[in-house]
């Protein structure tokens, strides 16, 4: 398999067989945090609601949450692909 997209943090090597929807130019690198996270804000894509989940919990203590603030404009967040909204 060839080289990945030269995005944030440089070029990454890919391994294994790519799946039909794999697009190396749309890969985002996730970096470790500098301090532990107590809660995660996630989205339920079926109901389009935001959920607050305690780190390490199995969803029993989930609570609804307000949507997080959008990130500031940056090269760290990939824009939607041309002609699409990023949805698969």
N, C-alpha and C. Protein backbone atom coordinates (compact mmCIF):
# COMPACT_ATOMS: atom_id res chain seq x y z
N UNK A 1 0.86 -1.18 0.00
CA UNK A 1 0.00 0.00 0.00
C UNK A 1 0.89 1.23 0.00
N UNK A 2 0.44 2.30 -0.59
CA UNK A 2 1.25 3.51 -0.73
C UNK A 2 1.27 4.39 0.49
N UNK A 3 1.81 5.55 0.29
CA UNK A 3 1.94 6.52 1.37
C UNK A 3 0.62 7.25 1.58
N UNK A 4 0.38 7.70 2.81
CA UNK A 4 -0.83 8.46 3.13
C UNK A 4 -0.71 9.92 2.72
N UNK A 5 -1.72 10.67 3.02
CA UNK A 5 -1.78 12.10 2.68
C UNK A 5 -0.85 12.89 3.60
N UNK A 6 -0.09 13.82 3.06
CA UNK A 6 0.78 14.64 3.91
C UNK A 6 -0.02 15.71 4.65
N UNK A 7 -0.81 15.30 5.62
CA UNK A 7 -1.63 16.23 6.40
C UNK A 7 -0.88 16.72 7.62
N UNK A 8 -1.61 17.12 8.62
CA UNK A 8 -1.01 17.59 9.86
C UNK A 8 -0.15 16.49 10.46
N UNK A 9 1.07 16.79 10.79
CA UNK A 9 1.94 15.80 11.39
C UNK A 9 2.70 14.96 10.39
N UNK A 10 2.62 15.28 9.11
CA UNK A 10 3.42 14.57 8.12
C UNK A 10 2.72 13.41 7.47
N UNK A 11 3.44 12.73 6.62
CA UNK A 11 2.92 11.60 5.86
C UNK A 11 2.90 10.36 6.74
N UNK A 12 1.83 9.59 6.65
CA UNK A 12 1.69 8.34 7.42
C UNK A 12 1.71 7.16 6.46
N UNK A 13 2.30 6.06 6.92
CA UNK A 13 2.25 4.83 6.13
C UNK A 13 0.93 4.14 6.38
N UNK A 14 0.35 3.59 5.32
CA UNK A 14 -0.88 2.81 5.44
C UNK A 14 -0.51 1.34 5.44
N UNK A 15 -1.32 0.53 6.09
CA UNK A 15 -1.08 -0.90 6.13
C UNK A 15 -2.37 -1.62 5.79
N UNK A 16 -2.26 -2.79 5.21
CA UNK A 16 -3.43 -3.62 4.94
C UNK A 16 -4.18 -3.19 3.69
N UNK A 17 -5.29 -3.85 3.46
CA UNK A 17 -6.14 -3.61 2.30
C UNK A 17 -7.08 -2.44 2.58
N UNK A 18 -7.10 -1.40 1.75
CA UNK A 18 -8.05 -0.30 1.98
C UNK A 18 -9.48 -0.75 1.67
N UNK A 19 -10.47 -0.23 2.39
CA UNK A 19 -11.86 -0.54 2.12
C UNK A 19 -12.38 0.41 1.05
N UNK A 20 -13.55 0.11 0.51
CA UNK A 20 -14.09 0.85 -0.63
C UNK A 20 -14.18 2.35 -0.39
N UNK A 21 -14.55 2.78 0.81
CA UNK A 21 -14.72 4.20 1.09
C UNK A 21 -13.49 4.89 1.64
N UNK A 22 -12.37 4.17 1.76
CA UNK A 22 -11.16 4.75 2.33
C UNK A 22 -10.58 5.81 1.41
N UNK A 23 -10.34 6.98 1.96
CA UNK A 23 -9.74 8.07 1.19
C UNK A 23 -8.59 8.65 2.02
N UNK A 24 -7.35 8.36 1.68
CA UNK A 24 -6.21 8.81 2.49
C UNK A 24 -6.14 10.32 2.62
N UNK A 25 -6.72 11.07 1.68
CA UNK A 25 -6.70 12.52 1.79
C UNK A 25 -7.68 13.05 2.84
N UNK A 26 -8.52 12.16 3.41
CA UNK A 26 -9.50 12.56 4.43
C UNK A 26 -9.16 11.98 5.81
N UNK A 27 -7.96 11.48 6.01
CA UNK A 27 -7.55 10.90 7.28
C UNK A 27 -7.16 12.02 8.24
N UNK A 28 -7.65 11.95 9.47
CA UNK A 28 -7.29 12.92 10.51
C UNK A 28 -6.47 12.19 11.58
N UNK A 29 -5.39 12.77 12.01
CA UNK A 29 -4.54 12.20 13.04
C UNK A 29 -5.02 12.71 14.40
N UNK A 30 -5.26 11.79 15.33
CA UNK A 30 -5.70 12.15 16.68
C UNK A 30 -4.50 12.05 17.60
N UNK A 31 -4.22 13.13 18.32
CA UNK A 31 -3.08 13.17 19.22
C UNK A 31 -3.53 12.96 20.66
N UNK A 32 -2.66 12.40 21.52
CA UNK A 32 -3.00 12.23 22.93
C UNK A 32 -3.23 13.58 23.61
N UNK A 33 -4.09 13.60 24.62
CA UNK A 33 -4.33 14.82 25.38
C UNK A 33 -3.21 15.02 26.40
N UNK A 34 -3.06 16.23 26.88
CA UNK A 34 -2.01 16.52 27.85
C UNK A 34 -2.44 16.22 29.28
N UNK A 35 -3.75 16.10 29.51
CA UNK A 35 -4.26 15.74 30.84
C UNK A 35 -5.48 14.84 30.66
N UNK A 36 -5.79 14.00 31.66
CA UNK A 36 -6.92 13.08 31.52
C UNK A 36 -8.24 13.83 31.30
N UNK A 37 -9.13 13.21 30.53
CA UNK A 37 -10.46 13.77 30.29
C UNK A 37 -11.45 13.10 31.24
N UNK A 38 -12.26 13.89 31.92
CA UNK A 38 -13.25 13.35 32.84
C UNK A 38 -14.54 12.94 32.13
N UNK A 39 -14.93 13.73 31.12
CA UNK A 39 -16.14 13.44 30.37
C UNK A 39 -15.86 13.58 28.88
N UNK A 40 -16.65 12.87 28.10
CA UNK A 40 -16.59 12.96 26.65
C UNK A 40 -17.95 13.46 26.17
N UNK A 41 -17.96 14.37 25.21
CA UNK A 41 -19.19 14.82 24.60
C UNK A 41 -19.27 14.13 23.24
N UNK A 42 -20.30 13.32 23.06
CA UNK A 42 -20.46 12.56 21.83
C UNK A 42 -21.83 12.86 21.24
N UNK A 43 -22.01 12.50 19.98
CA UNK A 43 -23.29 12.74 19.32
C UNK A 43 -23.96 11.41 19.00
N UNK A 44 -25.26 11.36 19.22
CA UNK A 44 -26.07 10.23 18.79
C UNK A 44 -26.55 10.58 17.38
N UNK A 45 -25.96 9.95 16.37
CA UNK A 45 -26.27 10.32 14.99
C UNK A 45 -27.67 9.88 14.57
N UNK A 46 -28.29 8.98 15.31
CA UNK A 46 -29.64 8.55 14.98
C UNK A 46 -30.65 9.62 15.41
N UNK A 47 -30.51 10.12 16.64
CA UNK A 47 -31.45 11.12 17.14
C UNK A 47 -30.92 12.55 17.03
N UNK A 48 -29.67 12.69 16.57
CA UNK A 48 -29.03 14.00 16.42
C UNK A 48 -29.03 14.78 17.74
N UNK A 49 -28.69 14.07 18.83
CA UNK A 49 -28.58 14.71 20.14
C UNK A 49 -27.17 14.52 20.67
N UNK A 50 -26.76 15.43 21.54
CA UNK A 50 -25.45 15.38 22.16
C UNK A 50 -25.56 14.71 23.52
N UNK A 51 -24.54 13.93 23.85
CA UNK A 51 -24.52 13.14 25.08
C UNK A 51 -23.22 13.41 25.84
N UNK A 52 -23.34 13.56 27.16
CA UNK A 52 -22.17 13.67 28.03
C UNK A 52 -21.96 12.30 28.67
N UNK A 53 -20.77 11.72 28.45
CA UNK A 53 -20.47 10.41 29.00
C UNK A 53 -19.21 10.50 29.86
N UNK A 54 -19.29 10.02 31.10
CA UNK A 54 -18.12 9.99 31.96
C UNK A 54 -17.09 9.03 31.38
N UNK A 55 -15.83 9.41 31.43
CA UNK A 55 -14.76 8.55 30.93
C UNK A 55 -14.80 7.22 31.66
N UNK A 56 -14.72 6.13 30.90
CA UNK A 56 -14.72 4.79 31.48
C UNK A 56 -16.10 4.24 31.80
N UNK A 57 -17.16 5.03 31.60
CA UNK A 57 -18.52 4.56 31.90
C UNK A 57 -19.06 3.73 30.75
N UNK A 58 -20.08 2.93 31.05
CA UNK A 58 -20.68 2.07 30.03
C UNK A 58 -22.02 2.60 29.55
N UNK A 59 -22.30 3.86 29.71
CA UNK A 59 -23.49 4.59 29.25
C UNK A 59 -24.60 4.66 30.29
N UNK A 60 -24.46 4.02 31.42
CA UNK A 60 -25.52 4.05 32.44
C UNK A 60 -25.68 5.44 33.07
N UNK A 61 -24.62 6.24 33.03
CA UNK A 61 -24.69 7.58 33.62
C UNK A 61 -24.74 8.68 32.56
N UNK A 62 -25.05 8.33 31.31
CA UNK A 62 -25.14 9.32 30.24
C UNK A 62 -26.18 10.39 30.57
N UNK A 63 -25.87 11.61 30.14
CA UNK A 63 -26.80 12.73 30.28
C UNK A 63 -26.83 13.47 28.96
N UNK A 64 -27.96 14.10 28.66
CA UNK A 64 -27.99 14.93 27.46
C UNK A 64 -27.12 16.16 27.71
N UNK A 65 -26.61 16.71 26.65
CA UNK A 65 -25.69 17.84 26.74
C UNK A 65 -26.00 18.83 25.63
N UNK A 66 -25.63 20.08 25.88
CA UNK A 66 -25.69 21.07 24.81
C UNK A 66 -24.62 20.74 23.79
N UNK A 67 -24.82 21.15 22.57
CA UNK A 67 -23.81 20.95 21.54
C UNK A 67 -22.55 21.72 21.92
N UNK A 68 -21.38 21.13 21.68
CA UNK A 68 -20.14 21.85 21.98
C UNK A 68 -19.97 23.04 21.04
N UNK A 69 -19.17 23.98 21.46
CA UNK A 69 -18.86 25.12 20.61
C UNK A 69 -18.07 24.63 19.41
N UNK A 70 -18.31 25.21 18.24
CA UNK A 70 -17.52 24.78 17.08
C UNK A 70 -16.06 25.15 17.27
N UNK A 71 -15.17 24.36 16.71
CA UNK A 71 -13.74 24.69 16.84
C UNK A 71 -13.43 25.95 16.05
N UNK A 72 -12.38 26.67 16.46
CA UNK A 72 -12.00 27.84 15.67
C UNK A 72 -11.49 27.40 14.30
N UNK A 73 -11.59 28.28 13.30
CA UNK A 73 -11.05 27.91 11.98
C UNK A 73 -9.58 27.54 12.11
N UNK A 74 -9.22 26.44 11.48
CA UNK A 74 -7.87 25.93 11.63
C UNK A 74 -7.60 24.89 10.57
N UNK A 75 -6.34 24.63 10.32
CA UNK A 75 -5.96 23.55 9.42
C UNK A 75 -6.07 22.20 10.11
N UNK A 76 -6.36 22.18 11.41
CA UNK A 76 -6.44 20.93 12.15
C UNK A 76 -7.75 20.19 11.89
N UNK A 77 -8.78 20.89 11.36
CA UNK A 77 -10.07 20.27 11.10
C UNK A 77 -10.26 20.21 9.59
N UNK A 78 -10.52 19.02 9.09
CA UNK A 78 -10.67 18.85 7.65
C UNK A 78 -11.99 19.43 7.17
N UNK A 79 -11.98 20.18 6.08
CA UNK A 79 -13.24 20.67 5.52
C UNK A 79 -13.97 19.54 4.80
N UNK A 80 -15.27 19.73 4.52
CA UNK A 80 -15.98 18.69 3.76
C UNK A 80 -15.32 18.51 2.39
N UNK A 81 -15.41 17.31 1.83
CA UNK A 81 -14.84 17.10 0.50
C UNK A 81 -15.59 17.93 -0.54
N UNK A 82 -14.95 18.26 -1.65
CA UNK A 82 -15.63 19.03 -2.69
C UNK A 82 -16.91 18.34 -3.14
N UNK A 83 -18.01 19.10 -3.18
CA UNK A 83 -19.28 18.56 -3.64
C UNK A 83 -20.01 17.72 -2.62
N UNK A 84 -19.53 17.69 -1.36
CA UNK A 84 -20.19 16.87 -0.36
C UNK A 84 -20.19 17.55 0.99
N UNK A 85 -20.94 17.00 1.91
CA UNK A 85 -21.01 17.56 3.25
C UNK A 85 -20.26 16.73 4.27
N UNK A 86 -19.49 15.74 3.81
CA UNK A 86 -18.73 14.88 4.71
C UNK A 86 -19.48 13.65 5.16
N UNK A 87 -20.78 13.59 4.87
CA UNK A 87 -21.57 12.42 5.26
C UNK A 87 -21.27 11.26 4.32
N UNK A 88 -21.30 10.06 4.85
CA UNK A 88 -21.04 8.87 4.03
C UNK A 88 -22.33 8.35 3.48
